[in-house]
Structures are given as C-alpha cells and as structure tokens.
Amino acid sequence: MANSSASASATKTILVLVVVATLIFTLPTVMVLIVGMIPTFIAYATDRRKEKYKTVSVGSLNFVGVLPLLVTLWTKDHSFDMGFSVLSDPFNWLMVLGASSAGWTIFLVAPSLVSIFLQARIELSVDRLKKRQTKLVEEWGEGVSGDRRSNRQKDDNDAQETTSIDDANVAEEPR
C-alpha cells in the first residue's frame, strides 16, 4: 500500500518537473499566451454558471486571436525581445481584443437567436397541429376536438334530451 502512494507521488513530482522545464524553455510563448488570454481569464472570473459558456465562447475566439502572435513568435525568433515586440504592437492587441469581443458578442447574441428560431419552430408546429385537428373534427365530429367547453355543452344537451324523452315516456305510461 505504501509502495503505491510512493509511486503516485513520484509520478506527480516527475510530471511537475516536466511542466516546469517546458515552461522555462518556452517562456516567451507562455508570456505571450498569458498576457494575450487576459480576456478569457476575466470571462472565467465573471462566469457563474457551471457549464462556463461565457468562458468557452470568449476563450476559444480569444485563442484564435492570440494564435497569429504565437506563430509570429515561433517563426521569427523565440526570444523575450520578440515576445515583447509582439505584445507592444497595437495592431496585434486590436486583433486579440477584437477576437475576444467577437466571443463576447456570440455569448450575448446566441441565446436570443436560438429563442427566436425555437419560437418560430413551435408556432409552425402549432399551426400544423391545428390543421390536423380541424381535419379530424371534420372526419370524426366535435367529440375528438379536445375542447372541454363544447364537449360539456354537448353532453349537457344530450342529457337534457334524454331527460325530456324519459319524462315524456313516464307521462305516457298509465298508472
């Protein structure tokens, strides 16, 4: 049992060392990524839902905006000077913040568009069902309409007719 936990802690230690070594060797990339992904961190901090829809929409498009900066860093010179140069360019910031604002726009507009689409779909379904109900009423009569008021009135009328017929039969019988 002790051997199992020792190997688990050794595995965790090795994993941490590999991650730290990777971060040290790719520090300019990590720097550009962390600074460029600030809108995603803000979206994560303000997202209260369990599903984190805001974080996903802002984060994915924010990463798309940061990716050209990373490609520039990787293809030209992977150094701190190039990283600072990439981060100091205002057009790069316009690209990064524009992409994250597109993510915010999608997060804010998508629910309204989906509700409009669903409402239209429901209305079409209701119209189709009303047409089908009309055909069924024509074929089978008012009893299949599902309208309680008209069915109740019809039942009351039938009850009155049977009562008046019964009263007429009782009046005709000799005593």
N, C-alpha and C. Protein backbone atom coordinates (compact mmCIF):
# COMPACT_ATOMS: atom_id res chain seq x y z
N MET A 1 0.81 -1.20 0.00
CA MET A 1 0.00 0.00 0.00
C MET A 1 0.86 1.26 0.00
N ALA A 2 1.91 1.26 0.82
CA ALA A 2 2.80 2.41 0.89
C ALA A 2 3.57 2.56 -0.41
N ASN A 3 3.88 1.45 -1.04
CA ASN A 3 4.60 1.48 -2.30
C ASN A 3 3.78 2.15 -3.39
N SER A 4 2.46 1.94 -3.37
CA SER A 4 1.57 2.53 -4.37
C SER A 4 1.52 4.05 -4.23
N SER A 5 1.40 4.56 -3.00
CA SER A 5 1.34 6.02 -2.81
C SER A 5 2.69 6.65 -3.10
N ALA A 6 3.79 5.93 -2.85
CA ALA A 6 5.12 6.47 -3.15
C ALA A 6 5.30 6.61 -4.66
N SER A 7 4.83 5.62 -5.42
CA SER A 7 4.96 5.73 -6.87
C SER A 7 4.04 6.81 -7.42
N ALA A 8 2.88 7.01 -6.80
CA ALA A 8 1.97 8.07 -7.24
C ALA A 8 2.59 9.43 -6.99
N SER A 9 3.22 9.63 -5.84
CA SER A 9 3.83 10.92 -5.56
C SER A 9 5.06 11.13 -6.45
N ALA A 10 5.80 10.05 -6.76
CA ALA A 10 6.94 10.17 -7.67
C ALA A 10 6.46 10.56 -9.06
N THR A 11 5.34 9.99 -9.49
CA THR A 11 4.78 10.33 -10.81
C THR A 11 4.35 11.79 -10.84
N LYS A 12 3.71 12.25 -9.77
CA LYS A 12 3.31 13.66 -9.71
C LYS A 12 4.52 14.58 -9.73
N THR A 13 5.57 14.21 -9.02
CA THR A 13 6.79 15.02 -8.99
C THR A 13 7.42 15.10 -10.36
N ILE A 14 7.51 13.98 -11.05
CA ILE A 14 8.09 13.97 -12.39
C ILE A 14 7.24 14.81 -13.35
N LEU A 15 5.93 14.70 -13.24
CA LEU A 15 5.03 15.49 -14.09
C LEU A 15 5.22 16.98 -13.84
N VAL A 16 5.31 17.39 -12.59
CA VAL A 16 5.52 18.80 -12.26
C VAL A 16 6.86 19.28 -12.81
N LEU A 17 7.91 18.47 -12.68
CA LEU A 17 9.22 18.86 -13.20
C LEU A 17 9.20 19.01 -14.71
N VAL A 18 8.51 18.12 -15.40
CA VAL A 18 8.41 18.22 -16.86
C VAL A 18 7.67 19.49 -17.26
N VAL A 19 6.58 19.80 -16.57
CA VAL A 19 5.81 21.01 -16.88
C VAL A 19 6.65 22.25 -16.61
N VAL A 20 7.35 22.30 -15.49
CA VAL A 20 8.18 23.45 -15.16
C VAL A 20 9.30 23.61 -16.19
N ALA A 21 9.94 22.50 -16.58
CA ALA A 21 11.01 22.57 -17.58
C ALA A 21 10.48 23.06 -18.92
N THR A 22 9.30 22.59 -19.28
CA THR A 22 8.69 23.03 -20.53
C THR A 22 8.38 24.52 -20.48
N LEU A 23 7.86 24.97 -19.36
CA LEU A 23 7.56 26.39 -19.20
C LEU A 23 8.82 27.24 -19.28
N ILE A 24 9.92 26.75 -18.70
CA ILE A 24 11.17 27.52 -18.72
C ILE A 24 11.71 27.63 -20.15
N PHE A 25 11.66 26.54 -20.89
CA PHE A 25 12.19 26.57 -22.25
C PHE A 25 11.27 27.29 -23.22
N THR A 26 10.01 27.39 -22.90
CA THR A 26 9.07 28.08 -23.80
C THR A 26 8.52 29.33 -23.13
N LEU A 27 9.33 29.97 -22.30
CA LEU A 27 8.86 31.12 -21.54
C LEU A 27 8.33 32.27 -22.41
N PRO A 28 8.93 32.62 -23.53
CA PRO A 28 8.33 33.68 -24.36
C PRO A 28 6.92 33.31 -24.85
N THR A 29 6.73 32.03 -25.21
CA THR A 29 5.40 31.59 -25.63
C THR A 29 4.41 31.69 -24.47
N VAL A 30 4.82 31.25 -23.30
CA VAL A 30 3.94 31.31 -22.13
C VAL A 30 3.60 32.76 -21.80
N MET A 31 4.59 33.65 -21.91
CA MET A 31 4.36 35.07 -21.62
C MET A 31 3.31 35.65 -22.58
N VAL A 32 3.49 35.42 -23.87
CA VAL A 32 2.53 35.95 -24.86
C VAL A 32 1.15 35.33 -24.64
N LEU A 33 1.12 34.04 -24.35
CA LEU A 33 -0.15 33.35 -24.14
C LEU A 33 -0.88 33.87 -22.91
N ILE A 34 -0.17 34.04 -21.82
CA ILE A 34 -0.82 34.52 -20.58
C ILE A 34 -1.32 35.95 -20.75
N VAL A 35 -0.49 36.83 -21.32
CA VAL A 35 -0.91 38.22 -21.48
C VAL A 35 -2.04 38.33 -22.51
N GLY A 36 -1.95 37.56 -23.59
CA GLY A 36 -2.98 37.63 -24.63
C GLY A 36 -4.31 37.02 -24.21
N MET A 37 -4.27 36.09 -23.27
CA MET A 37 -5.51 35.43 -22.85
C MET A 37 -6.18 36.10 -21.64
N ILE A 38 -5.81 37.32 -21.33
CA ILE A 38 -6.42 38.04 -20.20
C ILE A 38 -7.94 38.15 -20.34
N PRO A 39 -8.50 38.45 -21.53
CA PRO A 39 -9.97 38.48 -21.63
C PRO A 39 -10.62 37.14 -21.25
N THR A 40 -9.96 36.04 -21.53
CA THR A 40 -10.50 34.74 -21.14
C THR A 40 -10.49 34.57 -19.63
N PHE A 41 -9.43 35.02 -18.99
CA PHE A 41 -9.37 34.94 -17.53
C PHE A 41 -10.46 35.79 -16.90
N ILE A 42 -10.72 36.95 -17.48
CA ILE A 42 -11.81 37.80 -16.97
C ILE A 42 -13.16 37.13 -17.18
N ALA A 43 -13.36 36.52 -18.35
CA ALA A 43 -14.62 35.81 -18.61
C ALA A 43 -14.79 34.66 -17.62
N TYR A 44 -13.72 33.95 -17.32
CA TYR A 44 -13.80 32.84 -16.37
C TYR A 44 -14.14 33.35 -14.98
N ALA A 45 -13.55 34.49 -14.60
CA ALA A 45 -13.80 35.03 -13.25
C ALA A 45 -15.23 35.53 -13.11
N THR A 46 -15.85 35.98 -14.20
CA THR A 46 -17.20 36.52 -14.12
C THR A 46 -18.28 35.51 -14.49
N ASP A 47 -17.88 34.33 -14.94
CA ASP A 47 -18.84 33.31 -15.36
C ASP A 47 -19.28 32.49 -14.16
N ARG A 48 -20.55 32.63 -13.78
CA ARG A 48 -21.07 31.96 -12.59
C ARG A 48 -21.74 30.62 -12.88
N ARG A 49 -21.99 30.33 -14.14
CA ARG A 49 -22.67 29.09 -14.49
C ARG A 49 -21.71 27.91 -14.42
N LYS A 50 -22.27 26.76 -14.13
CA LYS A 50 -21.46 25.54 -14.03
C LYS A 50 -20.89 25.15 -15.39
N GLU A 51 -21.64 25.40 -16.47
CA GLU A 51 -21.22 24.98 -17.81
C GLU A 51 -20.14 25.87 -18.39
N LYS A 52 -19.97 27.09 -17.86
CA LYS A 52 -18.95 28.04 -18.31
C LYS A 52 -19.05 28.37 -19.80
N TYR A 53 -20.28 28.68 -20.25
CA TYR A 53 -20.49 29.03 -21.66
C TYR A 53 -19.73 30.30 -22.05
N LYS A 54 -19.73 31.28 -21.15
CA LYS A 54 -19.04 32.53 -21.43
C LYS A 54 -17.55 32.28 -21.63
N THR A 55 -16.97 31.48 -20.75
CA THR A 55 -15.54 31.19 -20.84
C THR A 55 -15.21 30.45 -22.13
N VAL A 56 -16.06 29.53 -22.52
CA VAL A 56 -15.80 28.76 -23.74
C VAL A 56 -15.88 29.65 -24.98
N SER A 57 -16.91 30.48 -25.07
CA SER A 57 -17.07 31.31 -26.27
C SER A 57 -15.98 32.39 -26.34
N VAL A 58 -15.72 33.06 -25.23
CA VAL A 58 -14.69 34.09 -25.24
C VAL A 58 -13.30 33.46 -25.39
N GLY A 59 -13.06 32.37 -24.67
CA GLY A 59 -11.75 31.74 -24.67
C GLY A 59 -11.36 31.17 -26.02
N SER A 60 -12.30 30.54 -26.69
CA SER A 60 -11.95 29.94 -27.99
C SER A 60 -11.61 31.01 -29.02
N LEU A 61 -12.39 32.07 -29.08
CA LEU A 61 -12.09 33.12 -30.05
C LEU A 61 -10.90 33.97 -29.61
N ASN A 62 -10.69 34.10 -28.30
CA ASN A 62 -9.51 34.79 -27.81
C ASN A 62 -8.25 34.03 -28.20
N PHE A 63 -8.29 32.72 -28.11
CA PHE A 63 -7.14 31.91 -28.52
C PHE A 63 -6.88 32.04 -30.02
N VAL A 64 -7.96 32.13 -30.80
CA VAL A 64 -7.81 32.34 -32.24
C VAL A 64 -7.12 33.69 -32.50
N GLY A 65 -7.41 34.69 -31.69
CA GLY A 65 -6.76 35.99 -31.84
C GLY A 65 -5.31 35.98 -31.40
N VAL A 66 -4.95 35.14 -30.43
CA VAL A 66 -3.58 35.07 -29.92
C VAL A 66 -2.71 34.18 -30.81
N LEU A 67 -3.32 33.24 -31.49
CA LEU A 67 -2.56 32.28 -32.28
C LEU A 67 -1.63 32.92 -33.33
N PRO A 68 -2.05 33.94 -34.08
CA PRO A 68 -1.11 34.56 -35.02
C PRO A 68 0.12 35.18 -34.33
N LEU A 69 -0.08 35.68 -33.11
CA LEU A 69 1.06 36.22 -32.36
C LEU A 69 2.04 35.11 -32.01
N LEU A 70 1.50 33.97 -31.62
CA LEU A 70 2.37 32.84 -31.29
C LEU A 70 3.09 32.33 -32.53
N VAL A 71 2.42 32.28 -33.65
CA VAL A 71 3.05 31.82 -34.89
C VAL A 71 4.17 32.79 -35.28
N THR A 72 3.92 34.08 -35.14
CA THR A 72 4.97 35.07 -35.41
C THR A 72 6.17 34.85 -34.49
N LEU A 73 5.90 34.62 -33.23
CA LEU A 73 6.96 34.39 -32.26
C LEU A 73 7.74 33.13 -32.61
N TRP A 74 7.06 32.08 -33.03
CA TRP A 74 7.73 30.82 -33.32
C TRP A 74 8.51 30.86 -34.62
N THR A 75 8.00 31.59 -35.62
CA THR A 75 8.66 31.58 -36.93
C THR A 75 9.80 32.57 -37.01
N LYS A 76 9.75 33.68 -36.30
CA LYS A 76 10.81 34.69 -36.42
C LYS A 76 11.93 34.42 -35.42
N ASP A 77 11.64 34.64 -34.16
CA ASP A 77 12.68 34.49 -33.14
C ASP A 77 11.99 34.20 -31.82
N HIS A 78 12.26 33.08 -31.26
CA HIS A 78 11.62 32.70 -30.00
C HIS A 78 12.45 33.24 -28.84
N SER A 79 12.30 34.56 -28.61
CA SER A 79 13.04 35.21 -27.53
C SER A 79 12.13 36.19 -26.81
N PHE A 80 12.64 36.68 -25.66
CA PHE A 80 11.85 37.65 -24.92
C PHE A 80 11.71 38.96 -25.69
N ASP A 81 12.75 39.36 -26.40
CA ASP A 81 12.68 40.59 -27.18
C ASP A 81 11.56 40.52 -28.22
N MET A 82 11.50 39.39 -28.90
CA MET A 82 10.43 39.22 -29.91
C MET A 82 9.06 39.13 -29.22
N GLY A 83 8.99 38.49 -28.07
CA GLY A 83 7.73 38.40 -27.32
C GLY A 83 7.23 39.77 -26.91
N PHE A 84 8.17 40.62 -26.39
CA PHE A 84 7.78 41.98 -26.02
C PHE A 84 7.42 42.80 -27.25
N SER A 85 8.10 42.57 -28.36
CA SER A 85 7.80 43.27 -29.59
C SER A 85 6.40 42.92 -30.10
N VAL A 86 6.07 41.63 -30.03
CA VAL A 86 4.75 41.18 -30.47
C VAL A 86 3.66 41.77 -29.57
N LEU A 87 3.92 41.81 -28.27
CA LEU A 87 2.92 42.33 -27.34
C LEU A 87 2.82 43.85 -27.36
N SER A 88 3.84 44.54 -27.85
CA SER A 88 3.78 46.00 -27.86
C SER A 88 3.15 46.57 -29.12
N ASP A 89 2.86 45.73 -30.10
CA ASP A 89 2.25 46.20 -31.35
C ASP A 89 0.75 46.43 -31.14
N PRO A 90 0.24 47.65 -31.35
CA PRO A 90 -1.19 47.91 -31.12
C PRO A 90 -2.10 47.15 -32.07
N PHE A 91 -1.64 46.86 -33.27
CA PHE A 91 -2.48 46.09 -34.21
C PHE A 91 -2.68 44.66 -33.72
N ASN A 92 -1.66 44.12 -33.08
CA ASN A 92 -1.82 42.79 -32.50
C ASN A 92 -2.85 42.81 -31.38
N TRP A 93 -2.82 43.87 -30.56
CA TRP A 93 -3.81 43.98 -29.49
C TRP A 93 -5.22 44.16 -30.07
N LEU A 94 -5.30 44.89 -31.17
CA LEU A 94 -6.60 45.05 -31.84
C LEU A 94 -7.12 43.70 -32.31
N MET A 95 -6.23 42.87 -32.82
CA MET A 95 -6.62 41.55 -33.28
C MET A 95 -7.07 40.67 -32.10
N VAL A 96 -6.29 40.68 -31.03
CA VAL A 96 -6.60 39.85 -29.86
C VAL A 96 -7.91 40.29 -29.22
N LEU A 97 -8.05 41.60 -28.98
CA LEU A 97 -9.25 42.10 -28.32
C LEU A 97 -10.47 42.05 -29.24
N GLY A 98 -10.25 42.21 -30.53
CA GLY A 98 -11.36 42.07 -31.49
C GLY A 98 -11.89 40.65 -31.52
N ALA A 99 -10.98 39.69 -31.48
CA ALA A 99 -11.42 38.29 -31.47
C ALA A 99 -12.17 37.97 -30.19
N SER A 100 -11.67 38.46 -29.04
CA SER A 100 -12.39 38.17 -27.80
C SER A 100 -13.72 38.92 -27.74
N SER A 101 -13.80 40.10 -28.34
CA SER A 101 -15.09 40.79 -28.37
C SER A 101 -16.08 40.04 -29.26
N ALA A 102 -15.59 39.38 -30.29
CA ALA A 102 -16.47 38.53 -31.10
C ALA A 102 -17.00 37.38 -30.26
N GLY A 103 -16.18 36.83 -29.38
CA GLY A 103 -16.63 35.78 -28.46
C GLY A 103 -17.69 36.30 -27.50
N TRP A 104 -17.49 37.51 -26.98
CA TRP A 104 -18.50 38.11 -26.11
C TRP A 104 -19.80 38.34 -26.88
N THR A 105 -19.68 38.78 -28.13
CA THR A 105 -20.88 39.02 -28.94
C THR A 105 -21.64 37.72 -29.17
N ILE A 106 -20.92 36.67 -29.49
CA ILE A 106 -21.58 35.38 -29.68
C ILE A 106 -22.28 34.94 -28.39
N PHE A 107 -21.59 35.13 -27.26
CA PHE A 107 -22.19 34.73 -25.98
C PHE A 107 -23.46 35.52 -25.69
N LEU A 108 -23.47 36.80 -26.04
CA LEU A 108 -24.63 37.63 -25.72
C LEU A 108 -25.77 37.51 -26.73
N VAL A 109 -25.45 37.26 -28.00
CA VAL A 109 -26.47 37.27 -29.06
C VAL A 109 -27.05 35.88 -29.32
N ALA A 110 -26.26 34.85 -29.14
CA ALA A 110 -26.70 33.49 -29.48
C ALA A 110 -27.99 33.06 -28.77
N PRO A 111 -28.15 33.32 -27.46
CA PRO A 111 -29.42 32.90 -26.84
C PRO A 111 -30.65 33.55 -27.45
N SER A 112 -30.54 34.81 -27.83
CA SER A 112 -31.69 35.49 -28.46
C SER A 112 -32.02 34.87 -29.82
N LEU A 113 -31.00 34.60 -30.60
CA LEU A 113 -31.23 33.99 -31.91
C LEU A 113 -31.83 32.59 -31.78
N VAL A 114 -31.35 31.84 -30.83
CA VAL A 114 -31.88 30.49 -30.62
C VAL A 114 -33.34 30.56 -30.18
N SER A 115 -33.67 31.50 -29.29
CA SER A 115 -35.06 31.60 -28.84
C SER A 115 -35.99 32.03 -29.97
N ILE A 116 -35.54 32.92 -30.84
CA ILE A 116 -36.35 33.33 -31.99
C ILE A 116 -36.59 32.13 -32.91
N PHE A 117 -35.54 31.37 -33.18
CA PHE A 117 -35.66 30.18 -34.02
C PHE A 117 -36.62 29.16 -33.40
N LEU A 118 -36.48 28.90 -32.11
CA LEU A 118 -37.35 27.92 -31.45
C LEU A 118 -38.80 28.39 -31.40
N GLN A 119 -39.01 29.69 -31.20
CA GLN A 119 -40.37 30.22 -31.17
C GLN A 119 -41.03 30.05 -32.54
N ALA A 120 -40.31 30.34 -33.60
CA ALA A 120 -40.86 30.17 -34.95
C ALA A 120 -41.17 28.70 -35.22
N ARG A 121 -40.29 27.84 -34.79
CA ARG A 121 -40.50 26.40 -34.99
C ARG A 121 -41.72 25.90 -34.22
N ILE A 122 -41.91 26.38 -33.01
CA ILE A 122 -43.06 25.99 -32.20
C ILE A 122 -44.35 26.50 -32.84
N GLU A 123 -44.34 27.74 -33.34
CA GLU A 123 -45.53 28.29 -33.98
C GLU A 123 -45.91 27.48 -35.22
N LEU A 124 -44.94 27.08 -36.01
CA LEU A 124 -45.23 26.24 -37.18
C LEU A 124 -45.81 24.90 -36.76
N SER A 125 -45.29 24.34 -35.69
CA SER A 125 -45.80 23.06 -35.20
C SER A 125 -47.24 23.20 -34.71
N VAL A 126 -47.53 24.30 -34.01
CA VAL A 126 -48.89 24.53 -33.52
C VAL A 126 -49.85 24.70 -34.70
N ASP A 127 -49.46 25.45 -35.72
CA ASP A 127 -50.31 25.61 -36.91
C ASP A 127 -50.58 24.27 -37.58
N ARG A 128 -49.55 23.45 -37.71
CA ARG A 128 -49.71 22.13 -38.33
C ARG A 128 -50.67 21.26 -37.51
N LEU A 129 -50.53 21.32 -36.19
CA LEU A 129 -51.41 20.51 -35.34
C LEU A 129 -52.86 21.01 -35.38
N LYS A 130 -53.05 22.34 -35.49
CA LYS A 130 -54.41 22.87 -35.59
C LYS A 130 -55.08 22.44 -36.89
N LYS A 131 -54.32 22.42 -37.98
CA LYS A 131 -54.87 21.95 -39.26
C LYS A 131 -55.24 20.48 -39.16
N ARG A 132 -54.39 19.70 -38.53
CA ARG A 132 -54.68 18.28 -38.37
C ARG A 132 -55.91 18.07 -37.49
N GLN A 133 -56.04 18.88 -36.44
CA GLN A 133 -57.20 18.78 -35.56
C GLN A 133 -58.47 19.12 -36.33
N THR A 134 -58.42 20.14 -37.18
CA THR A 134 -59.59 20.52 -37.98
C THR A 134 -60.02 19.37 -38.88
N LYS A 135 -59.04 18.71 -39.51
CA LYS A 135 -59.37 17.57 -40.36
C LYS A 135 -59.99 16.43 -39.55
N LEU A 136 -59.45 16.18 -38.36
CA LEU A 136 -60.00 15.12 -37.52
C LEU A 136 -61.42 15.44 -37.06
N VAL A 137 -61.68 16.70 -36.73
CA VAL A 137 -63.04 17.10 -36.30
C VAL A 137 -64.00 16.95 -37.46
N GLU A 138 -63.57 17.31 -38.67
CA GLU A 138 -64.44 17.13 -39.83
C GLU A 138 -64.74 15.66 -40.06
N GLU A 139 -63.76 14.81 -39.84
CA GLU A 139 -63.93 13.38 -40.10
C GLU A 139 -64.69 12.67 -38.98
N TRP A 140 -64.40 13.00 -37.72
CA TRP A 140 -64.94 12.24 -36.59
C TRP A 140 -65.98 13.00 -35.77
N GLY A 141 -66.11 14.30 -35.97
CA GLY A 141 -67.08 15.08 -35.21
C GLY A 141 -66.43 15.85 -34.08
N GLU A 142 -67.26 16.63 -33.38
CA GLU A 142 -66.76 17.52 -32.33
C GLU A 142 -66.22 16.79 -31.11
N GLY A 143 -66.55 15.55 -30.93
CA GLY A 143 -66.11 14.82 -29.74
C GLY A 143 -64.60 14.63 -29.66
N VAL A 144 -63.91 14.70 -30.79
CA VAL A 144 -62.46 14.50 -30.79
C VAL A 144 -61.69 15.81 -30.76
N SER A 145 -62.41 16.91 -30.61
CA SER A 145 -61.75 18.22 -30.67
C SER A 145 -60.90 18.50 -29.46
N GLY A 146 -61.21 17.91 -28.33
CA GLY A 146 -60.45 18.18 -27.12
C GLY A 146 -60.89 19.46 -26.44
N ASP A 147 -61.94 20.11 -26.98
CA ASP A 147 -62.45 21.33 -26.39
C ASP A 147 -63.44 20.94 -25.30
N ARG A 148 -63.09 21.14 -24.07
CA ARG A 148 -63.91 20.70 -22.94
C ARG A 148 -65.24 21.44 -22.89
N ARG A 149 -65.19 22.73 -23.21
CA ARG A 149 -66.40 23.52 -23.12
C ARG A 149 -67.45 23.03 -24.12
N SER A 150 -67.04 22.83 -25.38
CA SER A 150 -68.01 22.39 -26.38
C SER A 150 -68.46 20.96 -26.09
N ASN A 151 -67.55 20.10 -25.61
CA ASN A 151 -67.93 18.74 -25.25
C ASN A 151 -68.88 18.73 -24.06
N ARG A 152 -68.64 19.60 -23.09
CA ARG A 152 -69.50 19.67 -21.91
C ARG A 152 -70.89 20.17 -22.32
N GLN A 153 -70.94 21.18 -23.20
CA GLN A 153 -72.24 21.68 -23.66
C GLN A 153 -72.98 20.60 -24.44
N LYS A 154 -72.25 19.85 -25.24
CA LYS A 154 -72.87 18.78 -26.00
C LYS A 154 -73.40 17.71 -25.05
N ASP A 155 -72.60 17.36 -24.00
CA ASP A 155 -73.04 16.37 -23.02
C ASP A 155 -74.27 16.87 -22.28
N ASP A 156 -74.29 18.17 -21.93
CA ASP A 156 -75.45 18.74 -21.24
C ASP A 156 -76.69 18.70 -22.14
N ASN A 157 -76.50 19.02 -23.43
CA ASN A 157 -77.62 18.97 -24.38
C ASN A 157 -78.13 17.53 -24.52
N ASP A 158 -77.23 16.56 -24.60
CA ASP A 158 -77.63 15.16 -24.70
C ASP A 158 -78.37 14.72 -23.44
N ALA A 159 -77.89 15.18 -22.29
CA ALA A 159 -78.54 14.82 -21.03
C ALA A 159 -79.94 15.42 -20.95
N GLN A 160 -80.09 16.65 -21.42
CA GLN A 160 -81.41 17.29 -21.40
C GLN A 160 -82.36 16.56 -22.35
N GLU A 161 -81.86 16.15 -23.51
CA GLU A 161 -82.71 15.44 -24.46
C GLU A 161 -83.15 14.10 -23.88
N THR A 162 -82.25 13.37 -23.26
CA THR A 162 -82.63 12.08 -22.68
C THR A 162 -83.56 12.27 -21.51
N THR A 163 -83.38 13.35 -20.74
CA THR A 163 -84.28 13.62 -19.62
C THR A 163 -85.67 13.94 -20.13
N SER A 164 -85.75 14.76 -21.18
CA SER A 164 -87.07 15.11 -21.71
C SER A 164 -87.73 13.89 -22.34
N ILE A 165 -86.96 13.00 -22.97
CA ILE A 165 -87.53 11.77 -23.54
C ILE A 165 -88.02 10.87 -22.42
N ASP A 166 -87.25 10.74 -21.35
CA ASP A 166 -87.66 9.92 -20.21
C ASP A 166 -88.91 10.50 -19.56
N ASP A 167 -88.98 11.83 -19.45
CA ASP A 167 -90.17 12.46 -18.85
C ASP A 167 -91.39 12.22 -19.72
N ALA A 168 -91.20 12.26 -21.04
CA ALA A 168 -92.34 12.02 -21.94
C ALA A 168 -92.79 10.56 -21.82
N ASN A 169 -91.87 9.62 -21.72
CA ASN A 169 -92.22 8.21 -21.55
C ASN A 169 -92.93 7.97 -20.24
N VAL A 170 -92.47 8.63 -19.18
CA VAL A 170 -93.10 8.46 -17.88
C VAL A 170 -94.51 9.04 -17.91
N ALA A 171 -94.69 10.18 -18.60
CA ALA A 171 -96.02 10.81 -18.67
C ALA A 171 -96.98 9.94 -19.48
N GLU A 172 -96.52 9.16 -20.46
CA GLU A 172 -97.39 8.35 -21.27
C GLU A 172 -97.79 7.06 -20.60
N GLU A 173 -97.01 6.58 -19.66
CA GLU A 173 -97.32 5.30 -19.02
C GLU A 173 -98.56 5.45 -18.13
N PRO A 174 -99.49 4.47 -18.23
CA PRO A 174 -100.68 4.53 -17.37
C PRO A 174 -100.32 4.14 -15.94
N ARG A 175 -101.02 4.74 -15.00
CA ARG A 175 -100.80 4.40 -13.61
C ARG A 175 -101.93 3.67 -13.03
